[in-house]
Amino acid sequence: MLQQFRCGFLGKCSPVHFFWEPDGFKNYPVRPEAAFYSHDMREFLLSYEAVRRAANPDSMVLEFAHSTYEAAADRGGWDRRALEHVVSESQRRVQKKEEP
């Protein structure tokens, strides 16, 4: 079964949609607190206004993207260890040295 996770910007909100909704997805405690699940659209939303007013908008959007991905991955039963790549601090230093 094909499973997809999408996060993007649409008008005045940032929707996250899981094309095949697993059990418990809509009840997952996503972050930040301003995020919510729309039963009409069947996706998580974070309003533009909440992001605009945030002390750190970049962190707020990143937290939203991470937590909604976790909701999709955890509730969808994805093999996160196989899907996710963690870059160590030493790898980051090597990558920085290689950049032109």
C-alpha atoms as a PDB file:
ATOM      1  CA  MET A   1       0.000   0.000   0.000  1.00  0.00           C
ATOM      2  CA  LEU A   2       1.351   3.423  -0.964  1.00  0.00           C
ATOM      3  CA  GLN A   3       1.542   5.835   1.941  1.00  0.00           C
ATOM      4  CA  GLN A   4       2.395   9.497   1.519  1.00  0.00           C
ATOM      5  CA  PHE A   5       2.993  12.378   3.882  1.00  0.00           C
ATOM      6  CA  ARG A   6       2.781  15.967   2.627  1.00  0.00           C
ATOM      7  CA  CYS A   7       3.545  19.218   4.398  1.00  0.00           C
ATOM      8  CA  GLY A   8       3.267  22.554   2.643  1.00  0.00           C
ATOM      9  CA  PHE A   9       1.795  26.012   2.607  1.00  0.00           C
ATOM     10  CA  LEU A  10      -1.625  26.799   1.249  1.00  0.00           C
ATOM     11  CA  GLY A  11      -3.043  30.276   1.523  1.00  0.00           C
ATOM     12  CA  LYS A  12      -3.208  31.238   5.163  1.00  0.00           C
ATOM     13  CA  CYS A  13      -2.406  27.881   6.714  1.00  0.00           C
ATOM     14  CA  SER A  14       0.177  25.149   6.628  1.00  0.00           C
ATOM     15  CA  PRO A  15      -1.593  21.835   6.018  1.00  0.00           C
ATOM     16  CA  VAL A  16      -0.248  18.378   6.635  1.00  0.00           C
ATOM     17  CA  HIS A  17      -2.084  15.571   4.940  1.00  0.00           C
ATOM     18  CA  PHE A  18      -1.507  11.841   5.192  1.00  0.00           C
ATOM     19  CA  PHE A  19      -3.065  10.354   2.058  1.00  0.00           C
ATOM     20  CA  TRP A  20      -3.960   7.120   3.793  1.00  0.00           C
ATOM     21  CA  GLU A  21      -5.074   7.950   7.321  1.00  0.00           C
ATOM     22  CA  PRO A  22      -4.015   5.313   9.856  1.00  0.00           C
ATOM     23  CA  ASP A  23      -5.899   4.657  13.087  1.00  0.00           C
ATOM     24  CA  GLY A  24      -5.205   7.293  15.718  1.00  0.00           C
ATOM     25  CA  PHE A  25      -3.614   9.781  13.311  1.00  0.00           C
ATOM     26  CA  LYS A  26      -6.104  12.575  13.941  1.00  0.00           C
ATOM     27  CA  ASN A  27      -5.765  12.171  17.732  1.00  0.00           C
ATOM     28  CA  TYR A  28      -1.970  12.322  17.761  1.00  0.00           C
ATOM     29  CA  PRO A  29      -0.689  15.163  20.006  1.00  0.00           C
ATOM     30  CA  VAL A  30       1.018  17.318  17.380  1.00  0.00           C
ATOM     31  CA  ARG A  31       3.026  20.410  18.239  1.00  0.00           C
ATOM     32  CA  PRO A  32       2.992  23.372  18.612  1.00  0.00           C
ATOM     33  CA  GLU A  33      -0.096  24.019  20.684  1.00  0.00           C
ATOM     34  CA  ALA A  34      -1.583  26.181  17.894  1.00  0.00           C
ATOM     35  CA  ALA A  35      -1.736  23.171  15.525  1.00  0.00           C
ATOM     36  CA  PHE A  36      -5.034  21.353  15.141  1.00  0.00           C
ATOM     37  CA  TYR A  37      -6.721  18.598  13.161  1.00  0.00           C
ATOM     38  CA  SER A  38      -9.431  19.690  10.720  1.00  0.00           C
ATOM     39  CA  HIS A  39     -12.142  17.037  10.486  1.00  0.00           C
ATOM     40  CA  ASP A  40     -13.521  18.696   7.334  1.00  0.00           C
ATOM     41  CA  MET A  41     -10.172  18.642   5.508  1.00  0.00           C
ATOM     42  CA  ARG A  42      -8.863  15.493   7.257  1.00  0.00           C
ATOM     43  CA  GLU A  43      -5.454  17.039   7.906  1.00  0.00           C
ATOM     44  CA  PHE A  44      -3.478  18.929  10.522  1.00  0.00           C
ATOM     45  CA  LEU A  45      -3.326  22.692  10.149  1.00  0.00           C
ATOM     46  CA  LEU A  46      -1.185  25.469  11.572  1.00  0.00           C
ATOM     47  CA  SER A  47      -2.504  28.925  10.794  1.00  0.00           C
ATOM     48  CA  TYR A  48      -0.379  31.542   9.116  1.00  0.00           C
ATOM     49  CA  GLU A  49      -1.440  33.986  11.813  1.00  0.00           C
ATOM     50  CA  ALA A  50      -0.074  31.740  14.597  1.00  0.00           C
ATOM     51  CA  VAL A  51       3.250  31.447  12.778  1.00  0.00           C
ATOM     52  CA  ARG A  52       3.372  35.174  12.042  1.00  0.00           C
ATOM     53  CA  ARG A  53       2.898  36.022  15.724  1.00  0.00           C
ATOM     54  CA  ALA A  54       5.353  33.413  17.029  1.00  0.00           C
ATOM     55  CA  ALA A  55       8.552  34.542  18.745  1.00  0.00           C
ATOM     56  CA  ASN A  56      10.456  32.156  16.459  1.00  0.00           C
ATOM     57  CA  PRO A  57       8.376  31.364  13.340  1.00  0.00           C
ATOM     58  CA  ASP A  58      11.034  29.098  11.806  1.00  0.00           C
ATOM     59  CA  SER A  59      11.135  26.897  14.905  1.00  0.00           C
ATOM     60  CA  MET A  60       7.346  26.783  15.074  1.00  0.00           C
ATOM     61  CA  VAL A  61       6.993  25.551  11.481  1.00  0.00           C
ATOM     62  CA  LEU A  62       9.809  23.039  11.941  1.00  0.00           C
ATOM     63  CA  GLU A  63       8.227  21.721  15.147  1.00  0.00           C
ATOM     64  CA  PHE A  64       4.913  21.350  13.279  1.00  0.00           C
ATOM     65  CA  ALA A  65       6.561  19.484  10.406  1.00  0.00           C
ATOM     66  CA  HIS A  66       8.458  17.166  12.754  1.00  0.00           C
ATOM     67  CA  SER A  67       5.506  16.343  14.982  1.00  0.00           C
ATOM     68  CA  THR A  68       3.111  15.693  12.102  1.00  0.00           C
ATOM     69  CA  TYR A  69       5.713  13.474  10.430  1.00  0.00           C
ATOM     70  CA  GLU A  70       5.992  11.575  13.723  1.00  0.00           C
ATOM     71  CA  ALA A  71       2.205  11.203  13.779  1.00  0.00           C
ATOM     72  CA  ALA A  72       2.200   9.771  10.258  1.00  0.00           C
ATOM     73  CA  ALA A  73       5.220   7.530  10.824  1.00  0.00           C
ATOM     74  CA  ASP A  74       4.205   6.230  14.242  1.00  0.00           C
ATOM     75  CA  ARG A  75       0.531   5.673  13.463  1.00  0.00           C
ATOM     76  CA  GLY A  76       1.323   4.343   9.986  1.00  0.00           C
ATOM     77  CA  GLY A  77       3.770   1.786  11.350  1.00  0.00           C
ATOM     78  CA  TRP A  78       6.661   3.041   9.214  1.00  0.00           C
ATOM     79  CA  ASP A  79      10.146   1.628   9.784  1.00  0.00           C
ATOM     80  CA  ARG A  80      11.571   4.930  10.990  1.00  0.00           C
ATOM     81  CA  ARG A  81      15.026   3.487  11.588  1.00  0.00           C
ATOM     82  CA  ALA A  82      15.240   2.554   7.895  1.00  0.00           C
ATOM     83  CA  LEU A  83      13.720   5.846   6.710  1.00  0.00           C
ATOM     84  CA  GLU A  84      15.500   8.395   8.864  1.00  0.00           C
ATOM     85  CA  HIS A  85      19.127   9.429   8.654  1.00  0.00           C
ATOM     86  CA  VAL A  86      20.763  11.086  11.625  1.00  0.00           C
ATOM     87  CA  VAL A  87      23.792  13.223  10.896  1.00  0.00           C
ATOM     88  CA  SER A  88      26.348  13.217  13.698  1.00  0.00           C
ATOM     89  CA  GLU A  89      28.218  16.344  14.761  1.00  0.00           C
ATOM     90  CA  SER A  90      31.445  14.968  13.266  1.00  0.00           C
ATOM     91  CA  GLN A  91      29.678  14.352   9.930  1.00  0.00           C
ATOM     92  CA  ARG A  92      28.423  17.958   9.987  1.00  0.00           C
ATOM     93  CA  ARG A  93      31.965  19.244  10.516  1.00  0.00           C
ATOM     94  CA  VAL A  94      33.238  17.161   7.582  1.00  0.00           C
ATOM     95  CA  GLN A  95      30.384  18.371   5.362  1.00  0.00           C
ATOM     96  CA  LYS A  96      31.122  22.006   6.260  1.00  0.00           C
ATOM     97  CA  LYS A  97      34.779  21.564   5.299  1.00  0.00           C
ATOM     98  CA  GLU A  98      33.778  20.079   1.933  1.00  0.00           C
ATOM     99  CA  GLU A  99      31.463  22.987   1.034  1.00  0.00           C
ATOM    100  CA  PRO A 100      32.979  25.446  -1.460  1.00  0.00           C
END
